[in-house]
Amino acid sequence: LALYLQTTVEFQDEMPIGKLAGSLSTEVPKAAVAVFAPVEL
């Protein structure tokens, strides 16, 4: 979110809001689980 807020207005207009929201709500938790995969192994 901090990186997104520091981007230019043109980039924010071109960036689909659904793509960012999807990453924050679903992809981030999956990434955290993936980080722990080697630990579980």
Full PDB file with SEQRES, HELIX, SHEET, SSBOND, CRYST1, ORIGX, SCALE, CONECT and MASTER records, all heavy atoms in Angstrom:
SEQRES   1 A   41  LEU ALA LEU TYR LEU GLN THR THR VAL GLU PHE GLN ASP          
SEQRES   2 A   41  GLU MET PRO ILE GLY LYS LEU ALA GLY SER LEU SER THR          
SEQRES   3 A   41  GLU VAL PRO LYS ALA ALA VAL ALA VAL PHE ALA PRO VAL          
SEQRES   4 A   41  GLU LEU                                                      
HELIX    1 AA1 ALA A    2  LEU A    5  1                                   4    
HELIX    2 AA2 VAL A    9  GLU A   14  1                                   6    
HELIX    3 AA3 ILE A   17  GLY A   22  1                                   6    
HELIX    4 AA4 SER A   23  GLU A   27  3                                   5    
HELIX    5 AA5 VAL A   28  VAL A   35  1                                   8    
HELIX    6 AA6 ALA A   37  GLU A   40  1                                   4    
CRYST1    1.000    1.000    1.000  90.00  90.00  90.00 P 1           1          
ORIGX1      1.000000  0.000000  0.000000        0.00000                         
ORIGX2      0.000000  1.000000  0.000000        0.00000                         
ORIGX3      0.000000  0.000000  1.000000        0.00000                         
SCALE1      1.000000  0.000000  0.000000        0.00000                         
SCALE2      0.000000  1.000000  0.000000        0.00000                         
SCALE3      0.000000  0.000000  1.000000        0.00000                         
ATOM      1  N   LEU A   1       0.821  -1.201   0.000  1.00  0.00           N  
ATOM      2  CA  LEU A   1       0.000   0.000   0.000  1.00  0.00           C  
ATOM      3  C   LEU A   1       0.860   1.258   0.000  1.00  0.00           C  
ATOM      4  O   LEU A   1       0.546   2.235  -0.687  1.00  0.00           O  
ATOM      5  CB  LEU A   1      -0.924  -0.002   1.219  1.00  0.00           C  
ATOM      6  CG  LEU A   1      -1.953   1.143   1.292  1.00  0.00           C  
ATOM      7  CD1 LEU A   1      -2.863   1.117   0.066  1.00  0.00           C  
ATOM      8  CD2 LEU A   1      -2.774   1.039   2.565  1.00  0.00           C  
ATOM      9  N   ALA A   2       1.969   1.214   0.754  1.00  0.00           N  
ATOM     10  CA  ALA A   2       2.870   2.369   0.776  1.00  0.00           C  
ATOM     11  C   ALA A   2       3.500   2.601  -0.592  1.00  0.00           C  
ATOM     12  O   ALA A   2       3.632   3.743  -1.047  1.00  0.00           O  
ATOM     13  CB  ALA A   2       3.945   2.161   1.837  1.00  0.00           C  
ATOM     14  N   LEU A   3       3.897   1.522  -1.262  1.00  0.00           N  
ATOM     15  CA  LEU A   3       4.462   1.663  -2.605  1.00  0.00           C  
ATOM     16  C   LEU A   3       3.427   2.223  -3.582  1.00  0.00           C  
ATOM     17  O   LEU A   3       3.747   3.051  -4.446  1.00  0.00           O  
ATOM     18  CB  LEU A   3       4.970   0.299  -3.103  1.00  0.00           C  
ATOM     19  CG  LEU A   3       6.238  -0.243  -2.432  1.00  0.00           C  
ATOM     20  CD1 LEU A   3       6.512  -1.671  -2.905  1.00  0.00           C  
ATOM     21  CD2 LEU A   3       7.431   0.649  -2.738  1.00  0.00           C  
ATOM     22  N   TYR A   4       2.186   1.755  -3.427  1.00  0.00           N  
ATOM     23  CA  TYR A   4       1.134   2.227  -4.336  1.00  0.00           C  
ATOM     24  C   TYR A   4       0.861   3.715  -4.133  1.00  0.00           C  
ATOM     25  O   TYR A   4       0.664   4.465  -5.102  1.00  0.00           O  
ATOM     26  CB  TYR A   4      -0.135   1.417  -4.094  1.00  0.00           C  
ATOM     27  CG  TYR A   4      -1.297   1.849  -4.961  1.00  0.00           C  
ATOM     28  CD1 TYR A   4      -1.364   1.483  -6.304  1.00  0.00           C  
ATOM     29  CD2 TYR A   4      -2.332   2.614  -4.428  1.00  0.00           C  
ATOM     30  CE1 TYR A   4      -2.426   1.886  -7.101  1.00  0.00           C  
ATOM     31  CE2 TYR A   4      -3.403   3.016  -5.217  1.00  0.00           C  
ATOM     32  CZ  TYR A   4      -3.441   2.646  -6.551  1.00  0.00           C  
ATOM     33  OH  TYR A   4      -4.493   3.041  -7.334  1.00  0.00           O  
ATOM     34  N   LEU A   5       0.856   4.151  -2.869  1.00  0.00           N  
ATOM     35  CA  LEU A   5       0.567   5.560  -2.585  1.00  0.00           C  
ATOM     36  C   LEU A   5       1.685   6.486  -3.044  1.00  0.00           C  
ATOM     37  O   LEU A   5       1.454   7.685  -3.224  1.00  0.00           O  
ATOM     38  CB  LEU A   5       0.316   5.744  -1.082  1.00  0.00           C  
ATOM     39  CG  LEU A   5      -0.943   5.075  -0.525  1.00  0.00           C  
ATOM     40  CD1 LEU A   5      -1.030   5.284   0.978  1.00  0.00           C  
ATOM     41  CD2 LEU A   5      -2.196   5.601  -1.218  1.00  0.00           C  
ATOM     42  N   GLN A   6       2.890   5.952  -3.229  1.00  0.00           N  
ATOM     43  CA  GLN A   6       4.013   6.783  -3.652  1.00  0.00           C  
ATOM     44  C   GLN A   6       4.182   6.833  -5.174  1.00  0.00           C  
ATOM     45  O   GLN A   6       5.074   7.505  -5.675  1.00  0.00           O  
ATOM     46  CB  GLN A   6       5.309   6.247  -3.029  1.00  0.00           C  
ATOM     47  CG  GLN A   6       5.346   6.356  -1.505  1.00  0.00           C  
ATOM     48  CD  GLN A   6       6.581   5.713  -0.916  1.00  0.00           C  
ATOM     49  OE1 GLN A   6       7.617   5.634  -1.574  1.00  0.00           O  
ATOM     50  NE2 GLN A   6       6.480   5.238   0.314  1.00  0.00           N  
ATOM     51  N   THR A   7       3.333   6.118  -5.890  1.00  0.00           N  
ATOM     52  CA  THR A   7       3.425   6.127  -7.353  1.00  0.00           C  
ATOM     53  C   THR A   7       2.768   7.385  -7.915  1.00  0.00           C  
ATOM     54  O   THR A   7       2.091   8.140  -7.213  1.00  0.00           O  
ATOM     55  CB  THR A   7       2.740   4.878  -7.941  1.00  0.00           C  
ATOM     56  OG1 THR A   7       1.374   4.828  -7.480  1.00  0.00           O  
ATOM     57  CG2 THR A   7       3.455   3.616  -7.504  1.00  0.00           C  
ATOM     58  N   THR A   8       2.953   7.567  -9.190  1.00  0.00           N  
ATOM     59  CA  THR A   8       2.391   8.750  -9.846  1.00  0.00           C  
ATOM     60  C   THR A   8       0.891   8.580 -10.070  1.00  0.00           C  
ATOM     61  O   THR A   8       0.358   7.462 -10.036  1.00  0.00           O  
ATOM     62  CB  THR A   8       3.080   8.976 -11.204  1.00  0.00           C  
ATOM     63  OG1 THR A   8       2.846   7.840 -12.045  1.00  0.00           O  
ATOM     64  CG2 THR A   8       4.582   9.162 -11.011  1.00  0.00           C  
ATOM     65  N   VAL A   9       0.234   9.698 -10.300  1.00  0.00           N  
ATOM     66  CA  VAL A   9      -1.209   9.663 -10.549  1.00  0.00           C  
ATOM     67  C   VAL A   9      -1.505   8.903 -11.838  1.00  0.00           C  
ATOM     68  O   VAL A   9      -2.492   8.158 -11.924  1.00  0.00           O  
ATOM     69  CB  VAL A   9      -1.761  11.098 -10.626  1.00  0.00           C  
ATOM     70  CG1 VAL A   9      -3.247  11.072 -10.978  1.00  0.00           C  
ATOM     71  CG2 VAL A   9      -1.524  11.843  -9.318  1.00  0.00           C  
ATOM     72  N   GLU A  10      -0.666   9.081 -12.846  1.00  0.00           N  
ATOM     73  CA  GLU A  10      -0.872   8.370 -14.113  1.00  0.00           C  
ATOM     74  C   GLU A  10      -0.810   6.853 -13.902  1.00  0.00           C  
ATOM     75  O   GLU A  10      -1.612   6.100 -14.466  1.00  0.00           O  
ATOM     76  CB  GLU A  10       0.190   8.801 -15.135  1.00  0.00           C  
ATOM     77  CG  GLU A  10       0.060  10.231 -15.611  1.00  0.00           C  
ATOM     78  CD  GLU A  10       0.596  11.223 -14.605  1.00  0.00           C  
ATOM     79  OE1 GLU A  10       1.211  10.775 -13.595  1.00  0.00           O  
ATOM     80  OE2 GLU A  10       0.383  12.444 -14.813  1.00  0.00           O  
ATOM     81  N   PHE A  11       0.153   6.413 -13.097  1.00  0.00           N  
ATOM     82  CA  PHE A  11       0.260   4.978 -12.837  1.00  0.00           C  
ATOM     83  C   PHE A  11      -0.959   4.469 -12.070  1.00  0.00           C  
ATOM     84  O   PHE A  11      -1.472   3.374 -12.342  1.00  0.00           O  
ATOM     85  CB  PHE A  11       1.547   4.689 -12.047  1.00  0.00           C  
ATOM     86  CG  PHE A  11       1.700   3.244 -11.662  1.00  0.00           C  
ATOM     87  CD1 PHE A  11       2.172   2.304 -12.568  1.00  0.00           C  
ATOM     88  CD2 PHE A  11       1.354   2.809 -10.382  1.00  0.00           C  
ATOM     89  CE1 PHE A  11       2.309   0.972 -12.218  1.00  0.00           C  
ATOM     90  CE2 PHE A  11       1.477   1.484 -10.027  1.00  0.00           C  
ATOM     91  CZ  PHE A  11       1.953   0.559 -10.943  1.00  0.00           C  
ATOM     92  N   GLN A  12      -1.441   5.244 -11.097  1.00  0.00           N  
ATOM     93  CA  GLN A  12      -2.607   4.830 -10.316  1.00  0.00           C  
ATOM     94  C   GLN A  12      -3.857   4.741 -11.183  1.00  0.00           C  
ATOM     95  O   GLN A  12      -4.730   3.900 -10.949  1.00  0.00           O  
ATOM     96  CB  GLN A  12      -2.826   5.803  -9.157  1.00  0.00           C  
ATOM     97  CG  GLN A  12      -1.717   5.754  -8.113  1.00  0.00           C  
ATOM     98  CD  GLN A  12      -1.931   6.744  -6.989  1.00  0.00           C  
ATOM     99  OE1 GLN A  12      -2.970   7.406  -6.913  1.00  0.00           O  
ATOM    100  NE2 GLN A  12      -0.932   6.870  -6.116  1.00  0.00           N  
ATOM    101  N   ASP A  13      -3.946   5.622 -12.195  1.00  0.00           N  
ATOM    102  CA  ASP A  13      -5.080   5.558 -13.106  1.00  0.00           C  
ATOM    103  C   ASP A  13      -5.026   4.311 -13.980  1.00  0.00           C  
ATOM    104  O   ASP A  13      -6.063   3.712 -14.308  1.00  0.00           O  
ATOM    105  CB  ASP A  13      -5.112   6.810 -13.991  1.00  0.00           C  
ATOM    106  CG  ASP A  13      -5.463   8.054 -13.197  1.00  0.00           C  
ATOM    107  OD1 ASP A  13      -6.095   7.902 -12.124  1.00  0.00           O  
ATOM    108  OD2 ASP A  13      -5.100   9.165 -13.638  1.00  0.00           O  
ATOM    109  N   GLU A  14      -3.800   3.906 -14.361  1.00  0.00           N  
ATOM    110  CA  GLU A  14      -3.643   2.744 -15.226  1.00  0.00           C  
ATOM    111  C   GLU A  14      -3.703   1.422 -14.448  1.00  0.00           C  
ATOM    112  O   GLU A  14      -4.022   0.386 -15.020  1.00  0.00           O  
ATOM    113  CB  GLU A  14      -2.308   2.834 -15.966  1.00  0.00           C  
ATOM    114  CG  GLU A  14      -2.217   4.018 -16.925  1.00  0.00           C  
ATOM    115  CD  GLU A  14      -0.852   4.119 -17.568  1.00  0.00           C  
ATOM    116  OE1 GLU A  14       0.026   3.269 -17.228  1.00  0.00           O  
ATOM    117  OE2 GLU A  14      -0.639   5.032 -18.399  1.00  0.00           O  
ATOM    118  N   MET A  15      -3.411   1.479 -13.152  1.00  0.00           N  
ATOM    119  CA  MET A  15      -3.376   0.264 -12.329  1.00  0.00           C  
ATOM    120  C   MET A  15      -4.793  -0.126 -11.930  1.00  0.00           C  
ATOM    121  O   MET A  15      -5.486   0.629 -11.246  1.00  0.00           O  
ATOM    122  CB  MET A  15      -2.541   0.516 -11.069  1.00  0.00           C  
ATOM    123  CG  MET A  15      -2.485  -0.660 -10.111  1.00  0.00           C  
ATOM    124  SD  MET A  15      -1.466  -1.989 -10.767  1.00  0.00           S  
ATOM    125  CE  MET A  15      -1.426  -3.085  -9.340  1.00  0.00           C  
ATOM    126  N   PRO A  16      -5.276  -1.307 -12.353  1.00  0.00           N  
ATOM    127  CA  PRO A  16      -6.633  -1.723 -11.963  1.00  0.00           C  
ATOM    128  C   PRO A  16      -6.738  -1.876 -10.448  1.00  0.00           C  
ATOM    129  O   PRO A  16      -5.918  -2.557  -9.827  1.00  0.00           O  
ATOM    130  CB  PRO A  16      -6.795  -3.081 -12.663  1.00  0.00           C  
ATOM    131  CG  PRO A  16      -5.763  -3.092 -13.746  1.00  0.00           C  
ATOM    132  CD  PRO A  16      -4.618  -2.276 -13.233  1.00  0.00           C  
ATOM    133  N   ILE A  17      -7.722  -1.216  -9.843  1.00  0.00           N  
ATOM    134  CA  ILE A  17      -7.879  -1.265  -8.398  1.00  0.00           C  
ATOM    135  C   ILE A  17      -8.210  -2.676  -7.918  1.00  0.00           C  
ATOM    136  O   ILE A  17      -7.838  -3.087  -6.816  1.00  0.00           O  
ATOM    137  CB  ILE A  17      -8.963  -0.262  -7.940  1.00  0.00           C  
ATOM    138  CG1 ILE A  17      -8.954  -0.123  -6.422  1.00  0.00           C  
ATOM    139  CG2 ILE A  17     -10.325  -0.696  -8.448  1.00  0.00           C  
ATOM    140  CD1 ILE A  17      -7.685   0.460  -5.867  1.00  0.00           C  
ATOM    141  N   GLY A  18      -8.886  -3.430  -8.775  1.00  0.00           N  
ATOM    142  CA  GLY A  18      -9.217  -4.803  -8.392  1.00  0.00           C  
ATOM    143  C   GLY A  18      -7.983  -5.682  -8.293  1.00  0.00           C  
ATOM    144  O   GLY A  18      -7.927  -6.608  -7.471  1.00  0.00           O  
ATOM    145  N   LYS A  19      -6.980  -5.405  -9.118  1.00  0.00           N  
ATOM    146  CA  LYS A  19      -5.739  -6.183  -9.075  1.00  0.00           C  
ATOM    147  C   LYS A  19      -4.999  -5.941  -7.769  1.00  0.00           C  
ATOM    148  O   LYS A  19      -4.509  -6.879  -7.133  1.00  0.00           O  
ATOM    149  CB  LYS A  19      -4.858  -5.804 -10.262  1.00  0.00           C  
ATOM    150  CG  LYS A  19      -3.645  -6.693 -10.457  1.00  0.00           C  
ATOM    151  CD  LYS A  19      -2.900  -6.332 -11.736  1.00  0.00           C  
ATOM    152  CE  LYS A  19      -1.740  -7.281 -11.984  1.00  0.00           C  
ATOM    153  NZ  LYS A  19      -1.003  -6.951 -13.234  1.00  0.00           N  
ATOM    154  N   LEU A  20      -4.929  -4.692  -7.337  1.00  0.00           N  
ATOM    155  CA  LEU A  20      -4.271  -4.372  -6.073  1.00  0.00           C  
ATOM    156  C   LEU A  20      -5.060  -4.927  -4.886  1.00  0.00           C  
ATOM    157  O   LEU A  20      -4.485  -5.510  -3.953  1.00  0.00           O  
ATOM    158  CB  LEU A  20      -4.114  -2.862  -5.933  1.00  0.00           C  
ATOM    159  CG  LEU A  20      -3.463  -2.375  -4.647  1.00  0.00           C  
ATOM    160  CD1 LEU A  20      -2.032  -2.883  -4.548  1.00  0.00           C  
ATOM    161  CD2 LEU A  20      -3.495  -0.853  -4.552  1.00  0.00           C  
ATOM    162  N   ALA A  21      -6.382  -4.761  -4.914  1.00  0.00           N  
ATOM    163  CA  ALA A  21      -7.207  -5.271  -3.821  1.00  0.00           C  
ATOM    164  C   ALA A  21      -7.121  -6.793  -3.728  1.00  0.00           C  
ATOM    165  O   ALA A  21      -7.079  -7.361  -2.629  1.00  0.00           O  
ATOM    166  CB  ALA A  21      -8.663  -4.832  -4.013  1.00  0.00           C  
ATOM    167  N   GLY A  22      -7.093  -7.453  -4.886  1.00  0.00           N  
ATOM    168  CA  GLY A  22      -6.961  -8.903  -4.882  1.00  0.00           C  
ATOM    169  C   GLY A  22      -5.644  -9.362  -4.292  1.00  0.00           C  
ATOM    170  O   GLY A  22      -5.577 -10.360  -3.563  1.00  0.00           O  
ATOM    171  N   SER A  23      -4.588  -8.627  -4.596  1.00  0.00           N  
ATOM    172  CA  SER A  23      -3.280  -8.969  -4.036  1.00  0.00           C  
ATOM    173  C   SER A  23      -3.261  -8.786  -2.525  1.00  0.00           C  
ATOM    174  O   SER A  23      -2.745  -9.619  -1.788  1.00  0.00           O  
ATOM    175  CB  SER A  23      -2.190  -8.108  -4.676  1.00  0.00           C  
ATOM    176  OG  SER A  23      -2.111  -8.354  -6.064  1.00  0.00           O  
ATOM    177  N   LEU A  24      -3.840  -7.678  -2.042  1.00  0.00           N  
ATOM    178  CA  LEU A  24      -3.833  -7.403  -0.608  1.00  0.00           C  
ATOM    179  C   LEU A  24      -4.691  -8.383   0.174  1.00  0.00           C  
ATOM    180  O   LEU A  24      -4.357  -8.745   1.304  1.00  0.00           O  
ATOM    181  CB  LEU A  24      -4.307  -5.965  -0.350  1.00  0.00           C  
ATOM    182  CG  LEU A  24      -3.405  -4.845  -0.871  1.00  0.00           C  
ATOM    183  CD1 LEU A  24      -4.056  -3.490  -0.647  1.00  0.00           C  
ATOM    184  CD2 LEU A  24      -2.050  -4.893  -0.195  1.00  0.00           C  
ATOM    185  N   SER A  25      -5.797  -8.817  -0.403  1.00  0.00           N  
ATOM    186  CA  SER A  25      -6.745  -9.637   0.351  1.00  0.00           C  
ATOM    187  C   SER A  25      -6.501 -11.139   0.223  1.00  0.00           C  
ATOM    188  O   SER A  25      -6.736 -11.892   1.183  1.00  0.00           O  
ATOM    189  CB  SER A  25      -8.176  -9.323  -0.098  1.00  0.00           C  
ATOM    190  OG  SER A  25      -8.322  -9.612  -1.484  1.00  0.00           O  
ATOM    191  N   THR A  26      -6.019 -11.598  -0.930  1.00  0.00           N  
ATOM    192  CA  THR A  26      -5.890 -13.042  -1.131  1.00  0.00           C  
ATOM    193  C   THR A  26      -4.462 -13.503  -1.370  1.00  0.00           C  
ATOM    194  O   THR A  26      -4.012 -14.505  -0.809  1.00  0.00           O  
ATOM    195  CB  THR A  26      -6.763 -13.492  -2.317  1.00  0.00           C  
ATOM    196  OG1 THR A  26      -6.329 -12.813  -3.505  1.00  0.00           O  
ATOM    197  CG2 THR A  26      -8.223 -13.209  -2.062  1.00  0.00           C  
ATOM    198  N   GLU A  27      -3.724 -12.770  -2.201  1.00  0.00           N  
ATOM    199  CA  GLU A  27      -2.386 -13.219  -2.568  1.00  0.00           C  
ATOM    200  C   GLU A  27      -1.374 -13.056  -1.438  1.00  0.00           C  
ATOM    201  O   GLU A  27      -0.456 -13.864  -1.300  1.00  0.00           O  
ATOM    202  CB  GLU A  27      -1.902 -12.461  -3.805  1.00  0.00           C  
ATOM    203  CG  GLU A  27      -2.703 -12.746  -5.060  1.00  0.00           C  
ATOM    204  CD  GLU A  27      -2.607 -14.195  -5.492  1.00  0.00           C  
ATOM    205  OE1 GLU A  27      -1.550 -14.804  -5.265  1.00  0.00           O  
ATOM    206  OE2 GLU A  27      -3.581 -14.720  -6.042  1.00  0.00           O  
ATOM    207  N   VAL A  28      -1.525 -12.012  -0.629  1.00  0.00           N  
ATOM    208  CA  VAL A  28      -0.577 -11.801   0.471  1.00  0.00           C  
ATOM    209  C   VAL A  28      -0.627 -12.937   1.486  1.00  0.00           C  
ATOM    210  O   VAL A  28       0.420 -13.458   1.880  1.00  0.00           O  
ATOM    211  CB  VAL A  28      -0.833 -10.428   1.139  1.00  0.00           C  
ATOM    212  CG1 VAL A  28      -0.018 -10.303   2.425  1.00  0.00           C  
ATOM    213  CG2 VAL A  28      -0.451  -9.305   0.182  1.00  0.00           C  
ATOM    214  N   PRO A  29      -1.812 -13.372   1.965  1.00  0.00           N  
ATOM    215  CA  PRO A  29      -1.828 -14.520   2.878  1.00  0.00           C  
ATOM    216  C   PRO A  29      -1.246 -15.795   2.258  1.00  0.00           C  
ATOM    217  O   PRO A  29      -0.570 -16.570   2.948  1.00  0.00           O  
ATOM    218  CB  PRO A  29      -3.321 -14.698   3.199  1.00  0.00           C  
ATOM    219  CG  PRO A  29      -3.916 -13.347   2.990  1.00  0.00           C  
ATOM    220  CD  PRO A  29      -3.159 -12.769   1.834  1.00  0.00           C  
ATOM    221  N   LYS A  30      -1.499 -16.010   0.956  1.00  0.00           N  
ATOM    222  CA  LYS A  30      -0.925 -17.186   0.290  1.00  0.00           C  
ATOM    223  C   LYS A  30       0.598 -17.096   0.258  1.00  0.00           C  
ATOM    224  O   LYS A  30       1.290 -18.106   0.421  1.00  0.00           O  
ATOM    225  CB  LYS A  30      -1.481 -17.302  -1.129  1.00  0.00           C  
ATOM    226  CG  LYS A  30      -2.958 -17.656  -1.190  1.00  0.00           C  
ATOM    227  CD  LYS A  30      -3.432 -17.748  -2.635  1.00  0.00           C  
ATOM    228  CE  LYS A  30      -4.918 -18.081  -2.711  1.00  0.00           C  
ATOM    229  NZ  LYS A  30      -5.399 -18.156  -4.115  1.00  0.00           N  
ATOM    230  N   ALA A  31       1.118 -15.887   0.043  1.00  0.00           N  
ATOM    231  CA  ALA A  31       2.567 -15.707   0.016  1.00  0.00           C  
ATOM    232  C   ALA A  31       3.175 -15.983   1.387  1.00  0.00           C  
ATOM    233  O   ALA A  31       4.259 -16.569   1.495  1.00  0.00           O  
ATOM    234  CB  ALA A  31       2.906 -14.291  -0.433  1.00  0.00           C  
ATOM    235  N   ALA A  32       2.471 -15.576   2.455  1.00  0.00           N  
ATOM    236  CA  ALA A  32       2.972 -15.836   3.810  1.00  0.00           C  
ATOM    237  C   ALA A  32       3.017 -17.332   4.093  1.00  0.00           C  
ATOM    238  O   ALA A  32       3.950 -17.839   4.718  1.00  0.00           O  
ATOM    239  CB  ALA A  32       2.094 -15.128   4.834  1.00  0.00           C  
ATOM    240  N   VAL A  33       1.996 -18.053   3.622  1.00  0.00           N  
ATOM    241  CA  VAL A  33       1.992 -19.512   3.790  1.00  0.00           C  
ATOM    242  C   VAL A  33       3.143 -20.140   3.007  1.00  0.00           C  
ATOM    243  O   VAL A  33       3.802 -21.083   3.477  1.00  0.00           O  
ATOM    244  CB  VAL A  33       0.634 -20.099   3.338  1.00  0.00           C  
ATOM    245  CG1 VAL A  33       0.687 -21.625   3.341  1.00  0.00           C  
ATOM    246  CG2 VAL A  33      -0.481 -19.612   4.257  1.00  0.00           C  
ATOM    247  N   ALA A  34       3.396 -19.610   1.804  1.00  0.00           N  
ATOM    248  CA  ALA A  34       4.484 -20.147   0.975  1.00  0.00           C  
ATOM    249  C   ALA A  34       5.841 -19.935   1.630  1.00  0.00           C  
ATOM    250  O   ALA A  34       6.739 -20.769   1.501  1.00  0.00           O  
ATOM    251  CB  ALA A  34       4.454 -19.503  -0.404  1.00  0.00           C  
ATOM    252  N   VAL A  35       6.004 -18.823   2.337  1.00  0.00           N  
ATOM    253  CA  VAL A  35       7.260 -18.564   3.024  1.00  0.00           C  
ATOM    254  C   VAL A  35       7.539 -19.638   4.074  1.00  0.00           C  
ATOM    255  O   VAL A  35       8.685 -20.028   4.300  1.00  0.00           O  
ATOM    256  CB  VAL A  35       7.229 -17.166   3.679  1.00  0.00           C  
ATOM    257  CG1 VAL A  35       8.395 -16.984   4.643  1.00  0.00           C  
ATOM    258  CG2 VAL A  35       7.269 -16.088   2.610  1.00  0.00           C  
ATOM    259  N   PHE A  36       6.469 -20.144   4.709  1.00  0.00           N  
ATOM    260  CA  PHE A  36       6.636 -21.136   5.770  1.00  0.00           C  
ATOM    261  C   PHE A  36       6.730 -22.563   5.242  1.00  0.00           C  
ATOM    262  O   PHE A  36       6.909 -23.492   6.026  1.00  0.00           O  
ATOM    263  CB  PHE A  36       5.470 -21.047   6.769  1.00  0.00           C  
ATOM    264  CG  PHE A  36       5.719 -20.081   7.876  1.00  0.00           C  
ATOM    265  CD1 PHE A  36       5.481 -18.728   7.713  1.00  0.00           C  
ATOM    266  CD2 PHE A  36       6.218 -20.522   9.093  1.00  0.00           C  
ATOM    267  CE1 PHE A  36       5.720 -17.836   8.730  1.00  0.00           C  
ATOM    268  CE2 PHE A  36       6.458 -19.640  10.121  1.00  0.00           C  
ATOM    269  CZ  PHE A  36       6.206 -18.286   9.945  1.00  0.00           C  
ATOM    270  N   ALA A  37       6.602 -22.744   3.932  1.00  0.00           N  
ATOM    271  CA  ALA A  37       6.702 -24.099   3.379  1.00  0.00           C  
ATOM    272  C   ALA A  37       8.055 -24.745   3.680  1.00  0.00           C  
ATOM    273  O   ALA A  37       8.103 -25.904   4.118  1.00  0.00           O  
ATOM    274  CB  ALA A  37       6.428 -24.063   1.870  1.00  0.00           C  
ATOM    275  N   PRO A  38       9.192 -24.046   3.473  1.00  0.00           N  
ATOM    276  CA  PRO A  38      10.473 -24.672   3.843  1.00  0.00           C  
ATOM    277  C   PRO A  38      10.586 -24.961   5.328  1.00  0.00           C  
ATOM    278  O   PRO A  38      11.217 -25.944   5.732  1.00  0.00           O  
ATOM    279  CB  PRO A  38      11.514 -23.628   3.399  1.00  0.00           C  
ATOM    280  CG  PRO A  38      10.815 -22.794   2.381  1.00  0.00           C  
ATOM    281  CD  PRO A  38       9.391 -22.750   2.811  1.00  0.00           C  
ATOM    282  N   VAL A  39       9.968 -24.103   6.158  1.00  0.00           N  
ATOM    283  CA  VAL A  39      10.005 -24.328   7.602  1.00  0.00           C  
ATOM    284  C   VAL A  39       9.247 -25.606   7.961  1.00  0.00           C  
ATOM    285  O   VAL A  39       9.716 -26.424   8.759  1.00  0.00           O  
ATOM    286  CB  VAL A  39       9.407 -23.116   8.350  1.00  0.00           C  
ATOM    287  CG1 VAL A  39       9.411 -23.362   9.862  1.00  0.00           C  
ATOM    288  CG2 VAL A  39      10.183 -21.852   8.020  1.00  0.00           C  
ATOM    289  N   GLU A  40       8.072 -25.785   7.372  1.00  0.00           N  
ATOM    290  CA  GLU A  40       7.304 -26.998   7.627  1.00  0.00           C  
ATOM    291  C   GLU A  40       8.052 -28.234   7.138  1.00  0.00           C  
ATOM    292  O   GLU A  40       8.013 -29.295   7.777  1.00  0.00           O  
ATOM    293  CB  GLU A  40       5.938 -26.898   6.927  1.00  0.00           C  
ATOM    294  CG  GLU A  40       5.011 -25.848   7.527  1.00  0.00           C  
ATOM    295  CD  GLU A  40       4.641 -26.159   8.965  1.00  0.00           C  
ATOM    296  OE1 GLU A  40       4.487 -27.359   9.293  1.00  0.00           O  
ATOM    297  OE2 GLU A  40       4.526 -25.217   9.760  1.00  0.00           O  
ATOM    298  N   LEU A  41       8.742 -28.096   6.012  1.00  0.00           N  
ATOM    299  CA  LEU A  41       9.540 -29.215   5.506  1.00  0.00           C  
ATOM    300  C   LEU A  41      10.644 -29.572   6.495  1.00  0.00           C  
ATOM    301  O   LEU A  41      10.896 -30.752   6.764  1.00  0.00           O  
ATOM    302  CB  LEU A  41      10.131 -28.854   4.150  1.00  0.00           C  
ATOM    303  CG  LEU A  41      10.992 -29.940   3.470  1.00  0.00           C  
ATOM    304  CD1 LEU A  41      10.160 -31.187   3.212  1.00  0.00           C  
ATOM    305  CD2 LEU A  41      11.590 -29.412   2.171  1.00  0.00           C  
TER     306      LEU A  41                                                      
MASTER        0    0    0    6    0    0    0    6  305    1    0    4          
END                                                                             
